[in-house]
Amino acid sequence: MNPNNKFNHIASVYWVFTQLCNDKCDHCYNFSGPQGSRISEADCLAIIDNLPDSMDRIILSGGEPLAEKQKLYLILDALKSKYGNTTQIMLQTNGDLLTGEILDVLIAKGVTRFDVASIDRFHKAAGARLTELAELFDSRGVNGEEKDPLVKKDNYLHAFPLSWGYWGATEDMWLGGNWARGRAYEKGLWKQDPQHNFCGILSGAIGFLNGGPDIPQEVSIQLWAVNPCCPGTKEPMGDARTQKVADILARVADHPVFQALDKGDPWAMGEVLGISKLDAERRCGELGNVCLWCDEFFDKHFDMKTLQKKTDHSLS
């Protein structure tokens, strides 16, 4: 790895290390469920080895992380070995499988932030455990006053109080652009609004290279696939099992396509290829969703492997 690579440090990594889940929600964008995709423990350890030299935080998610509890514990131990106490570890869970005994282990292994992402009508329990979970967290001294699921930047930039929060899918937000994917797409639970720019908010691609004053630089890893956003591009930027994440980012950082994504402007991705923003906006309008335009762009117009223009295709 190039010692001068600025991506040796990343503010935030969002890692879906499993798509196995005890639930099978209609709105799930990555087909998580009892038959959800998984990777091996060896793959997980290889990915941790390929993570940047330093990170402010890592968010472990799924699927349901506790559906692969032993793998989660292995990951936590490996992260502790690599980063010590310099990286905040955050866990996103539906809360269904969380017990006092498990919570004690998670805290002992370094998790300092818990986000319960199931307080909505789609999940099996539909938020019914919220009071029970609140009492459980309180019994372990986990503060519930900071409910922001993204957490204030000051809280994860080397000040790691134990805290928890909760949220759920809403029509305005998490049934937005990113969920023109998976089971949500199959069942029509996606926001058919071409003006909804998921790319321009945290968990979208904005800031994945450079971050910003209010949005940390965040890179998404879906199992092993390295992406600029949570739902991911049609083809990933790289494979974290076999490539250094810093090198993957360095490879794309100077390319105008990815610089447009970093600015949260997916309609500008194709300008370097001769596709105007006007044409991109028109096509996005026809598709009904900005992420579907992004899929089409990488499918028809841009080759992720070569970072070159593909053979011309009609935008219509």
C-alpha atoms as a PDB file:
ATOM      1  CA  MET A   1       0.000   0.000   0.000  1.00  0.00           C
ATOM      2  CA  ASN A   2       1.181   3.495  -0.792  1.00  0.00           C
ATOM      3  CA  PRO A   3       2.093   5.141   2.532  1.00  0.00           C
ATOM      4  CA  ASN A   4       0.985   8.486   1.085  1.00  0.00           C
ATOM      5  CA  ASN A   5      -2.498   7.174   0.281  1.00  0.00           C
ATOM      6  CA  LYS A   6      -4.919   9.572   1.964  1.00  0.00           C
ATOM      7  CA  PHE A   7      -7.464   6.770   2.226  1.00  0.00           C
ATOM      8  CA  ASN A   8      -5.364   5.023   4.848  1.00  0.00           C
ATOM      9  CA  HIS A   9      -7.774   6.892   7.146  1.00  0.00           C
ATOM     10  CA  ILE A  10     -11.554   6.830   6.643  1.00  0.00           C
ATOM     11  CA  ALA A  11     -14.063   8.519   8.915  1.00  0.00           C
ATOM     12  CA  SER A  12     -16.734   5.828   8.660  1.00  0.00           C
ATOM     13  CA  VAL A  13     -17.200   2.349   7.209  1.00  0.00           C
ATOM     14  CA  TYR A  14     -20.650   0.762   6.991  1.00  0.00           C
ATOM     15  CA  TRP A  15     -20.264  -3.017   6.762  1.00  0.00           C
ATOM     16  CA  VAL A  16     -23.118  -5.432   6.131  1.00  0.00           C
ATOM     17  CA  PHE A  17     -21.180  -8.575   7.044  1.00  0.00           C
ATOM     18  CA  THR A  18     -24.232 -10.839   6.752  1.00  0.00           C
ATOM     19  CA  GLN A  19     -27.584 -10.867   5.005  1.00  0.00           C
ATOM     20  CA  LEU A  20     -28.835 -13.675   7.243  1.00  0.00           C
ATOM     21  CA  CYS A  21     -31.773 -12.459   9.316  1.00  0.00           C
ATOM     22  CA  ASN A  22     -34.436 -13.858  11.627  1.00  0.00           C
ATOM     23  CA  ASP A  23     -36.989 -11.697   9.804  1.00  0.00           C
ATOM     24  CA  LYS A  24     -37.964 -11.358   6.143  1.00  0.00           C
ATOM     25  CA  CYS A  25     -39.203  -7.816   5.729  1.00  0.00           C
ATOM     26  CA  ASP A  26     -41.092  -6.749   2.614  1.00  0.00           C
ATOM     27  CA  HIS A  27     -39.025  -3.579   2.384  1.00  0.00           C
ATOM     28  CA  CYS A  28     -35.543  -5.147   2.626  1.00  0.00           C
ATOM     29  CA  TYR A  29     -33.233  -3.845  -0.085  1.00  0.00           C
ATOM     30  CA  ASN A  30     -30.680  -6.680   0.108  1.00  0.00           C
ATOM     31  CA  PHE A  31     -32.986  -9.733   0.354  1.00  0.00           C
ATOM     32  CA  SER A  32     -32.018 -10.386   3.964  1.00  0.00           C
ATOM     33  CA  GLY A  33     -33.861 -13.254   5.617  1.00  0.00           C
ATOM     34  CA  PRO A  34     -33.474 -16.828   6.874  1.00  0.00           C
ATOM     35  CA  GLN A  35     -31.847 -17.724   3.531  1.00  0.00           C
ATOM     36  CA  GLY A  36     -29.851 -14.505   3.272  1.00  0.00           C
ATOM     37  CA  SER A  37     -26.361 -14.521   1.754  1.00  0.00           C
ATOM     38  CA  ARG A  38     -23.351 -15.026   4.000  1.00  0.00           C
ATOM     39  CA  ILE A  39     -19.587 -14.977   3.786  1.00  0.00           C
ATOM     40  CA  SER A  40     -17.100 -17.109   5.664  1.00  0.00           C
ATOM     41  CA  GLU A  41     -15.225 -16.230   8.835  1.00  0.00           C
ATOM     42  CA  ALA A  42     -12.009 -16.320   6.785  1.00  0.00           C
ATOM     43  CA  ASP A  43     -13.507 -13.753   4.401  1.00  0.00           C
ATOM     44  CA  CYS A  44     -14.448 -11.524   7.330  1.00  0.00           C
ATOM     45  CA  LEU A  45     -10.920 -11.645   8.731  1.00  0.00           C
ATOM     46  CA  ALA A  46      -9.472 -10.900   5.286  1.00  0.00           C
ATOM     47  CA  ILE A  47     -11.774  -7.878   4.965  1.00  0.00           C
ATOM     48  CA  ILE A  48     -10.704  -6.561   8.372  1.00  0.00           C
ATOM     49  CA  ASP A  49      -7.082  -6.953   7.312  1.00  0.00           C
ATOM     50  CA  ASN A  50      -7.873  -4.900   4.203  1.00  0.00           C
ATOM     51  CA  LEU A  51      -9.661  -2.091   6.037  1.00  0.00           C
ATOM     52  CA  PRO A  52      -7.811   1.243   6.296  1.00  0.00           C
ATOM     53  CA  ASP A  53      -5.055   1.723   8.828  1.00  0.00           C
ATOM     54  CA  SER A  54      -7.335   3.948  10.895  1.00  0.00           C
ATOM     55  CA  MET A  55     -11.042   4.734  11.072  1.00  0.00           C
ATOM     56  CA  ASP A  56     -13.148   6.934  13.310  1.00  0.00           C
ATOM     57  CA  ARG A  57     -15.989   4.432  13.341  1.00  0.00           C
ATOM     58  CA  ILE A  58     -17.280   1.207  11.848  1.00  0.00           C
ATOM     59  CA  ILE A  59     -20.971   0.331  11.687  1.00  0.00           C
ATOM     60  CA  LEU A  60     -21.710  -3.402  11.683  1.00  0.00           C
ATOM     61  CA  SER A  61     -25.051  -4.281  10.152  1.00  0.00           C
ATOM     62  CA  GLY A  62     -27.009  -6.925   8.261  1.00  0.00           C
ATOM     63  CA  GLY A  63     -29.272  -8.732   7.800  1.00  0.00           C
ATOM     64  CA  GLU A  64     -29.324  -9.224  11.519  1.00  0.00           C
ATOM     65  CA  PRO A  65     -25.813  -9.297  13.012  1.00  0.00           C
ATOM     66  CA  LEU A  66     -26.987 -11.386  15.976  1.00  0.00           C
ATOM     67  CA  ALA A  67     -28.248 -14.066  13.601  1.00  0.00           C
ATOM     68  CA  GLU A  68     -24.518 -14.838  13.166  1.00  0.00           C
ATOM     69  CA  LYS A  69     -23.529 -14.129  16.737  1.00  0.00           C
ATOM     70  CA  GLN A  70     -20.293 -16.108  16.822  1.00  0.00           C
ATOM     71  CA  LYS A  71     -19.125 -14.498  13.598  1.00  0.00           C
ATOM     72  CA  LEU A  72     -19.972 -11.085  15.065  1.00  0.00           C
ATOM     73  CA  TYR A  73     -17.902 -11.869  18.163  1.00  0.00           C
ATOM     74  CA  LEU A  74     -14.989 -12.943  15.949  1.00  0.00           C
ATOM     75  CA  ILE A  75     -15.230  -9.674  14.016  1.00  0.00           C
ATOM     76  CA  LEU A  76     -15.321  -7.625  17.210  1.00  0.00           C
ATOM     77  CA  ASP A  77     -12.233  -9.383  18.542  1.00  0.00           C
ATOM     78  CA  ALA A  78     -10.381  -8.822  15.269  1.00  0.00           C
ATOM     79  CA  LEU A  79     -11.345  -5.134  15.176  1.00  0.00           C
ATOM     80  CA  LYS A  80     -10.164  -4.720  18.763  1.00  0.00           C
ATOM     81  CA  SER A  81      -6.866  -6.368  17.873  1.00  0.00           C
ATOM     82  CA  LYS A  82      -6.342  -4.079  14.883  1.00  0.00           C
ATOM     83  CA  TYR A  83      -7.610  -0.740  16.182  1.00  0.00           C
ATOM     84  CA  GLY A  84      -7.582  -0.971  19.983  1.00  0.00           C
ATOM     85  CA  ASN A  85      -9.753   1.814  21.375  1.00  0.00           C
ATOM     86  CA  THR A  86      -9.191   4.264  18.511  1.00  0.00           C
ATOM     87  CA  THR A  87     -12.290   3.288  16.491  1.00  0.00           C
ATOM     88  CA  GLN A  88     -15.881   3.465  17.660  1.00  0.00           C
ATOM     89  CA  ILE A  89     -17.806   0.273  16.959  1.00  0.00           C
ATOM     90  CA  MET A  90     -21.497   0.705  16.243  1.00  0.00           C
ATOM     91  CA  LEU A  91     -24.049  -2.080  15.847  1.00  0.00           C
ATOM     92  CA  GLN A  92     -27.306  -1.932  13.914  1.00  0.00           C
ATOM     93  CA  THR A  93     -29.791  -4.598  14.989  1.00  0.00           C
ATOM     94  CA  ASN A  94     -33.508  -5.280  14.864  1.00  0.00           C
ATOM     95  CA  GLY A  95     -33.264  -6.059  18.590  1.00  0.00           C
ATOM     96  CA  ASP A  96     -35.257  -9.288  18.381  1.00  0.00           C
ATOM     97  CA  LEU A  97     -32.382 -11.518  19.480  1.00  0.00           C
ATOM     98  CA  LEU A  98     -30.780  -9.177  22.012  1.00  0.00           C
ATOM     99  CA  THR A  99     -30.635 -10.399  25.628  1.00  0.00           C
ATOM    100  CA  GLY A 100     -28.899  -9.117  28.717  1.00  0.00           C
ATOM    101  CA  GLU A 101     -26.196 -11.766  28.430  1.00  0.00           C
ATOM    102  CA  ILE A 102     -25.520 -10.894  24.796  1.00  0.00           C
ATOM    103  CA  LEU A 103     -25.520  -7.166  25.537  1.00  0.00           C
ATOM    104  CA  ASP A 104     -22.902  -7.705  28.266  1.00  0.00           C
ATOM    105  CA  VAL A 105     -20.673  -9.550  25.796  1.00  0.00           C
ATOM    106  CA  LEU A 106     -21.081  -6.891  23.111  1.00  0.00           C
ATOM    107  CA  ILE A 107     -20.134  -4.116  25.515  1.00  0.00           C
ATOM    108  CA  ALA A 108     -17.157  -6.100  26.783  1.00  0.00           C
ATOM    109  CA  LYS A 109     -16.017  -6.604  23.185  1.00  0.00           C
ATOM    110  CA  GLY A 110     -16.081  -2.878  22.453  1.00  0.00           C
ATOM    111  CA  VAL A 111     -19.497  -1.942  21.016  1.00  0.00           C
ATOM    112  CA  THR A 112     -20.345   1.542  22.269  1.00  0.00           C
ATOM    113  CA  ARG A 113     -23.326   2.462  20.087  1.00  0.00           C
ATOM    114  CA  PHE A 114     -26.461   0.394  19.457  1.00  0.00           C
ATOM    115  CA  ASP A 115     -29.088   1.335  16.882  1.00  0.00           C
ATOM    116  CA  VAL A 116     -32.378  -0.543  16.817  1.00  0.00           C
ATOM    117  CA  ALA A 117     -33.587  -0.273  13.226  1.00  0.00           C
ATOM    118  CA  SER A 118     -36.940  -2.029  13.471  1.00  0.00           C
ATOM    119  CA  ILE A 119     -39.433   0.428  14.883  1.00  0.00           C
ATOM    120  CA  ASP A 120     -41.857   0.359  11.990  1.00  0.00           C
ATOM    121  CA  ARG A 121     -44.703  -1.635  10.504  1.00  0.00           C
ATOM    122  CA  PHE A 122     -42.506  -3.822   8.267  1.00  0.00           C
ATOM    123  CA  HIS A 123     -40.606  -5.743  10.922  1.00  0.00           C
ATOM    124  CA  LYS A 124     -42.019  -8.843  12.575  1.00  0.00           C
ATOM    125  CA  ALA A 125     -42.326  -7.274  16.016  1.00  0.00           C
ATOM    126  CA  ALA A 126     -43.288  -3.849  14.579  1.00  0.00           C
ATOM    127  CA  GLY A 127     -41.440  -2.131  17.404  1.00  0.00           C
ATOM    128  CA  ALA A 128     -43.246  -4.022  20.164  1.00  0.00           C
ATOM    129  CA  ARG A 129     -39.985  -4.700  22.066  1.00  0.00           C
ATOM    130  CA  LEU A 130     -39.040  -1.035  22.312  1.00  0.00           C
ATOM    131  CA  THR A 131     -39.985  -0.626  25.988  1.00  0.00           C
ATOM    132  CA  GLU A 132     -38.300  -3.913  26.908  1.00  0.00           C
ATOM    133  CA  LEU A 133     -35.152  -2.931  25.032  1.00  0.00           C
ATOM    134  CA  ALA A 134     -35.135   0.507  26.648  1.00  0.00           C
ATOM    135  CA  GLU A 135     -35.208  -1.121  30.082  1.00  0.00           C
ATOM    136  CA  LEU A 136     -32.470  -3.562  29.045  1.00  0.00           C
ATOM    137  CA  PHE A 137     -30.155  -0.807  27.816  1.00  0.00           C
ATOM    138  CA  ASP A 138     -30.868   1.309  30.904  1.00  0.00           C
ATOM    139  CA  SER A 139     -29.981  -1.608  33.170  1.00  0.00           C
ATOM    140  CA  ARG A 140     -26.495  -1.661  31.601  1.00  0.00           C
ATOM    141  CA  GLY A 141     -25.976   2.106  31.721  1.00  0.00           C
ATOM    142  CA  VAL A 142     -26.431   2.585  27.975  1.00  0.00           C
ATOM    143  CA  ASN A 143     -27.649   6.133  27.453  1.00  0.00           C
ATOM    144  CA  GLY A 144     -30.811   6.539  25.389  1.00  0.00           C
ATOM    145  CA  GLU A 145     -30.885  10.327  25.215  1.00  0.00           C
ATOM    146  CA  GLU A 146     -28.925  10.544  21.958  1.00  0.00           C
ATOM    147  CA  LYS A 147     -31.485   9.086  19.569  1.00  0.00           C
ATOM    148  CA  ASP A 148     -29.894  10.286  16.327  1.00  0.00           C
ATOM    149  CA  PRO A 149     -29.071   7.048  14.448  1.00  0.00           C
ATOM    150  CA  LEU A 150     -26.127   8.744  12.753  1.00  0.00           C
ATOM    151  CA  VAL A 151     -24.819  10.049  16.082  1.00  0.00           C
ATOM    152  CA  LYS A 152     -23.240  13.482  16.470  1.00  0.00           C
ATOM    153  CA  LYS A 153     -19.751  13.574  15.004  1.00  0.00           C
ATOM    154  CA  ASP A 154     -18.313  14.632  18.366  1.00  0.00           C
ATOM    155  CA  ASN A 155     -19.600  11.370  19.833  1.00  0.00           C
ATOM    156  CA  TYR A 156     -17.548   9.127  17.587  1.00  0.00           C
ATOM    157  CA  LEU A 157     -14.488  11.286  17.040  1.00  0.00           C
ATOM    158  CA  HIS A 158     -12.605   9.775  19.968  1.00  0.00           C
ATOM    159  CA  ALA A 159     -15.319  10.254  22.603  1.00  0.00           C
ATOM    160  CA  PHE A 160     -17.212   6.994  22.880  1.00  0.00           C
ATOM    161  CA  PRO A 161     -19.983   7.036  25.485  1.00  0.00           C
ATOM    162  CA  LEU A 162     -22.305   4.047  25.622  1.00  0.00           C
ATOM    163  CA  SER A 163     -25.496   5.058  23.825  1.00  0.00           C
ATOM    164  CA  TRP A 164     -28.420   3.669  21.868  1.00  0.00           C
ATOM    165  CA  GLY A 165     -31.144   4.931  19.594  1.00  0.00           C
ATOM    166  CA  TYR A 166     -33.880   3.649  17.336  1.00  0.00           C
ATOM    167  CA  TRP A 167     -35.696   4.353  14.107  1.00  0.00           C
ATOM    168  CA  GLY A 168     -37.601   2.593  11.371  1.00  0.00           C
ATOM    169  CA  ALA A 169     -38.547   2.761   7.724  1.00  0.00           C
ATOM    170  CA  THR A 170     -40.688   5.697   6.647  1.00  0.00           C
ATOM    171  CA  GLU A 171     -42.137   6.680   3.311  1.00  0.00           C
ATOM    172  CA  ASP A 172     -40.202   9.952   3.425  1.00  0.00           C
ATOM    173  CA  MET A 173     -36.814   8.528   4.227  1.00  0.00           C
ATOM    174  CA  TRP A 174     -35.865   4.859   4.273  1.00  0.00           C
ATOM    175  CA  LEU A 175     -38.378   3.923   1.609  1.00  0.00           C
ATOM    176  CA  GLY A 176     -36.508   6.348  -0.554  1.00  0.00           C
ATOM    177  CA  GLY A 177     -34.153   6.090  -3.476  1.00  0.00           C
ATOM    178  CA  ASN A 178     -32.019   3.318  -2.047  1.00  0.00           C
ATOM    179  CA  TRP A 179     -34.878   0.880  -1.770  1.00  0.00           C
ATOM    180  CA  ALA A 180     -35.510   0.528  -5.468  1.00  0.00           C
ATOM    181  CA  ARG A 181     -33.693  -2.680  -4.641  1.00  0.00           C
ATOM    182  CA  GLY A 182     -34.267  -6.240  -3.530  1.00  0.00           C
ATOM    183  CA  ARG A 183     -37.562  -7.268  -1.981  1.00  0.00           C
ATOM    184  CA  ALA A 184     -38.647  -3.644  -1.740  1.00  0.00           C
ATOM    185  CA  TYR A 185     -38.425  -3.316  -5.520  1.00  0.00           C
ATOM    186  CA  GLU A 186     -40.215  -6.615  -6.103  1.00  0.00           C
ATOM    187  CA  LYS A 187     -43.112  -5.556  -3.884  1.00  0.00           C
ATOM    188  CA  GLY A 188     -43.293  -1.968  -5.105  1.00  0.00           C
ATOM    189  CA  LEU A 189     -42.217  -0.458  -1.765  1.00  0.00           C
ATOM    190  CA  TRP A 190     -39.847   2.080  -3.261  1.00  0.00           C
ATOM    191  CA  LYS A 191     -40.164   5.797  -3.718  1.00  0.00           C
ATOM    192  CA  GLN A 192     -41.074   6.388  -7.346  1.00  0.00           C
ATOM    193  CA  ASP A 193     -39.904   9.982  -7.241  1.00  0.00           C
ATOM    194  CA  PRO A 194     -37.035  10.916  -9.582  1.00  0.00           C
ATOM    195  CA  GLN A 195     -36.436  14.096  -7.572  1.00  0.00           C
ATOM    196  CA  HIS A 196     -35.621  12.122  -4.436  1.00  0.00           C
ATOM    197  CA  ASN A 197     -31.818  12.152  -4.426  1.00  0.00           C
ATOM    198  CA  PHE A 198     -30.672   9.476  -2.002  1.00  0.00           C
ATOM    199  CA  CYS A 199     -27.175  10.071  -3.361  1.00  0.00           C
ATOM    200  CA  GLY A 200     -27.150  13.470  -1.641  1.00  0.00           C
ATOM    201  CA  ILE A 201     -27.643  12.286   1.954  1.00  0.00           C
ATOM    202  CA  LEU A 202     -25.576  10.253   4.388  1.00  0.00           C
ATOM    203  CA  SER A 203     -25.700   6.560   3.421  1.00  0.00           C
ATOM    204  CA  GLY A 204     -25.793   7.800  -0.166  1.00  0.00           C
ATOM    205  CA  ALA A 205     -22.606   8.428  -2.109  1.00  0.00           C
ATOM    206  CA  ILE A 206     -22.094  12.034  -1.055  1.00  0.00           C
ATOM    207  CA  GLY A 207     -18.762  12.521   0.671  1.00  0.00           C
ATOM    208  CA  PHE A 208     -17.556   8.935   0.220  1.00  0.00           C
ATOM    209  CA  LEU A 209     -14.206  10.275  -0.994  1.00  0.00           C
ATOM    210  CA  ASN A 210     -13.874  13.538   0.906  1.00  0.00           C
ATOM    211  CA  GLY A 211     -16.623  13.870   3.507  1.00  0.00           C
ATOM    212  CA  GLY A 212     -17.923  17.277   4.500  1.00  0.00           C
ATOM    213  CA  PRO A 213     -18.577  19.573   7.468  1.00  0.00           C
ATOM    214  CA  ASP A 214     -21.827  17.811   8.405  1.00  0.00           C
ATOM    215  CA  ILE A 215     -21.424  14.473   6.615  1.00  0.00           C
ATOM    216  CA  PRO A 216     -18.540  12.154   7.432  1.00  0.00           C
ATOM    217  CA  GLN A 217     -16.708  10.339   4.702  1.00  0.00           C
ATOM    218  CA  GLU A 218     -18.424   6.954   4.654  1.00  0.00           C
ATOM    219  CA  VAL A 219     -17.777   3.895   2.523  1.00  0.00           C
ATOM    220  CA  SER A 220     -20.163   0.940   2.346  1.00  0.00           C
ATOM    221  CA  ILE A 221     -19.177  -2.721   2.203  1.00  0.00           C
ATOM    222  CA  GLN A 222     -22.025  -5.079   1.322  1.00  0.00           C
ATOM    223  CA  LEU A 223     -20.681  -8.480   2.417  1.00  0.00           C
ATOM    224  CA  TRP A 224     -17.385  -8.022   0.498  1.00  0.00           C
ATOM    225  CA  ALA A 225     -18.402  -5.489  -2.174  1.00  0.00           C
ATOM    226  CA  VAL A 226     -16.971  -1.985  -1.694  1.00  0.00           C
ATOM    227  CA  ASN A 227     -19.430   0.729  -2.692  1.00  0.00           C
ATOM    228  CA  PRO A 228     -19.780   4.506  -2.501  1.00  0.00           C
ATOM    229  CA  CYS A 229     -23.239   4.145  -0.930  1.00  0.00           C
ATOM    230  CA  CYS A 230     -25.345   1.812   1.165  1.00  0.00           C
ATOM    231  CA  PRO A 231     -27.378   0.275  -1.693  1.00  0.00           C
ATOM    232  CA  GLY A 232     -24.309   0.090  -3.897  1.00  0.00           C
ATOM    233  CA  THR A 233     -23.532   0.680  -7.532  1.00  0.00           C
ATOM    234  CA  LYS A 234     -24.483  -1.921 -10.154  1.00  0.00           C
ATOM    235  CA  GLU A 235     -20.982  -3.340  -9.944  1.00  0.00           C
ATOM    236  CA  PRO A 236     -18.878  -2.727  -6.820  1.00  0.00           C
ATOM    237  CA  MET A 237     -15.758  -0.604  -6.924  1.00  0.00           C
ATOM    238  CA  GLY A 238     -13.754  -3.515  -5.565  1.00  0.00           C
ATOM    239  CA  ASP A 239     -13.573  -6.648  -3.418  1.00  0.00           C
ATOM    240  CA  ALA A 240     -12.513  -6.103   0.183  1.00  0.00           C
ATOM    241  CA  ARG A 241     -11.560  -9.775   0.551  1.00  0.00           C
ATOM    242  CA  THR A 242      -8.657  -9.413  -1.859  1.00  0.00           C
ATOM    243  CA  GLN A 243      -8.010  -5.660  -2.174  1.00  0.00           C
ATOM    244  CA  LYS A 244      -7.092  -2.927   0.280  1.00  0.00           C
ATOM    245  CA  VAL A 245     -10.070  -0.589   0.698  1.00  0.00           C
ATOM    246  CA  ALA A 246      -7.690   2.380   0.585  1.00  0.00           C
ATOM    247  CA  ASP A 247      -6.343   1.217  -2.771  1.00  0.00           C
ATOM    248  CA  ILE A 248      -9.857   0.744  -4.154  1.00  0.00           C
ATOM    249  CA  LEU A 249     -10.742   4.329  -3.256  1.00  0.00           C
ATOM    250  CA  ALA A 250      -7.458   5.686  -4.560  1.00  0.00           C
ATOM    251  CA  ARG A 251      -8.102   3.997  -7.908  1.00  0.00           C
ATOM    252  CA  VAL A 252     -11.387   5.837  -8.480  1.00  0.00           C
ATOM    253  CA  ALA A 253     -10.739   9.088  -6.609  1.00  0.00           C
ATOM    254  CA  ASP A 254      -9.574  11.172  -9.571  1.00  0.00           C
ATOM    255  CA  HIS A 255     -12.223   9.962 -12.004  1.00  0.00           C
ATOM    256  CA  PRO A 256     -14.988  12.474 -12.849  1.00  0.00           C
ATOM    257  CA  VAL A 257     -17.706   9.814 -12.544  1.00  0.00           C
ATOM    258  CA  PHE A 258     -16.854   9.176  -8.893  1.00  0.00           C
ATOM    259  CA  GLN A 259     -16.166  12.819  -8.172  1.00  0.00           C
ATOM    260  CA  ALA A 260     -19.764  13.534  -9.232  1.00  0.00           C
ATOM    261  CA  LEU A 261     -21.008  10.834  -6.867  1.00  0.00           C
ATOM    262  CA  ASP A 262     -18.838  12.268  -4.100  1.00  0.00           C
ATOM    263  CA  LYS A 263     -20.652  15.586  -4.630  1.00  0.00           C
ATOM    264  CA  GLY A 264     -24.001  13.816  -4.376  1.00  0.00           C
ATOM    265  CA  ASP A 265     -24.823  14.590  -8.001  1.00  0.00           C
ATOM    266  CA  PRO A 266     -25.582  11.331  -9.851  1.00  0.00           C
ATOM    267  CA  TRP A 267     -27.017  13.225 -12.815  1.00  0.00           C
ATOM    268  CA  ALA A 268     -23.543  14.590 -13.532  1.00  0.00           C
ATOM    269  CA  MET A 269     -21.838  11.172 -13.636  1.00  0.00           C
ATOM    270  CA  GLY A 270     -22.062  10.889 -17.398  1.00  0.00           C
ATOM    271  CA  GLU A 271     -20.866  14.339 -18.413  1.00  0.00           C
ATOM    272  CA  VAL A 272     -17.326  13.043 -18.927  1.00  0.00           C
ATOM    273  CA  LEU A 273     -18.810  10.436 -21.290  1.00  0.00           C
ATOM    274  CA  GLY A 274     -20.889  12.955 -23.220  1.00  0.00           C
ATOM    275  CA  ILE A 275     -24.154  12.336 -21.358  1.00  0.00           C
ATOM    276  CA  SER A 276     -25.506  15.711 -20.286  1.00  0.00           C
ATOM    277  CA  LYS A 277     -27.218  16.302 -16.962  1.00  0.00           C
ATOM    278  CA  LEU A 278     -30.361  17.175 -18.908  1.00  0.00           C
ATOM    279  CA  ASP A 279     -30.339  13.773 -20.613  1.00  0.00           C
ATOM    280  CA  ALA A 280     -29.624  12.026 -17.316  1.00  0.00           C
ATOM    281  CA  GLU A 281     -32.469  13.861 -15.572  1.00  0.00           C
ATOM    282  CA  ARG A 282     -34.831  13.000 -18.412  1.00  0.00           C
ATOM    283  CA  ARG A 283     -33.908   9.313 -18.222  1.00  0.00           C
ATOM    284  CA  CYS A 284     -34.152   9.342 -14.443  1.00  0.00           C
ATOM    285  CA  GLY A 285     -37.643  10.757 -14.790  1.00  0.00           C
ATOM    286  CA  GLU A 286     -38.610   7.937 -17.131  1.00  0.00           C
ATOM    287  CA  LEU A 287     -37.255   5.329 -14.720  1.00  0.00           C
ATOM    288  CA  GLY A 288     -38.831   7.012 -11.721  1.00  0.00           C
ATOM    289  CA  ASN A 289     -35.850   6.753  -9.399  1.00  0.00           C
ATOM    290  CA  VAL A 290     -32.303   8.079  -9.266  1.00  0.00           C
ATOM    291  CA  CYS A 291     -30.815   4.741  -8.182  1.00  0.00           C
ATOM    292  CA  LEU A 292     -32.367   3.040 -11.184  1.00  0.00           C
ATOM    293  CA  TRP A 293     -30.649   5.631 -13.359  1.00  0.00           C
ATOM    294  CA  CYS A 294     -27.391   4.834 -11.566  1.00  0.00           C
ATOM    295  CA  ASP A 295     -27.923   1.121 -12.284  1.00  0.00           C
ATOM    296  CA  GLU A 296     -28.510   1.817 -15.956  1.00  0.00           C
ATOM    297  CA  PHE A 297     -25.491   4.097 -16.146  1.00  0.00           C
ATOM    298  CA  PHE A 298     -23.099   1.431 -14.888  1.00  0.00           C
ATOM    299  CA  ASP A 299     -24.845  -1.304 -16.836  1.00  0.00           C
ATOM    300  CA  LYS A 300     -24.895   0.409 -20.220  1.00  0.00           C
ATOM    301  CA  HIS A 301     -22.442   3.280 -20.230  1.00  0.00           C
ATOM    302  CA  PHE A 302     -19.535   2.816 -17.824  1.00  0.00           C
ATOM    303  CA  ASP A 303     -17.277  -0.162 -17.202  1.00  0.00           C
ATOM    304  CA  MET A 304     -16.316  -0.388 -13.537  1.00  0.00           C
ATOM    305  CA  LYS A 305     -13.427  -2.753 -14.250  1.00  0.00           C
ATOM    306  CA  THR A 306     -11.677  -0.518 -16.789  1.00  0.00           C
ATOM    307  CA  LEU A 307     -13.103   2.845 -15.667  1.00  0.00           C
ATOM    308  CA  GLN A 308     -13.824   3.489 -19.345  1.00  0.00           C
ATOM    309  CA  LYS A 309     -16.855   4.270 -21.455  1.00  0.00           C
ATOM    310  CA  LYS A 310     -18.723   1.240 -22.771  1.00  0.00           C
ATOM    311  CA  THR A 311     -19.980   0.912 -26.330  1.00  0.00           C
ATOM    312  CA  ASP A 312     -22.529   3.637 -27.022  1.00  0.00           C
ATOM    313  CA  HIS A 313     -26.104   2.886 -26.116  1.00  0.00           C
ATOM    314  CA  SER A 314     -29.212   4.918 -26.662  1.00  0.00           C
ATOM    315  CA  LEU A 315     -30.448   6.747 -23.588  1.00  0.00           C
ATOM    316  CA  SER A 316     -33.966   5.900 -24.625  1.00  0.00           C
END
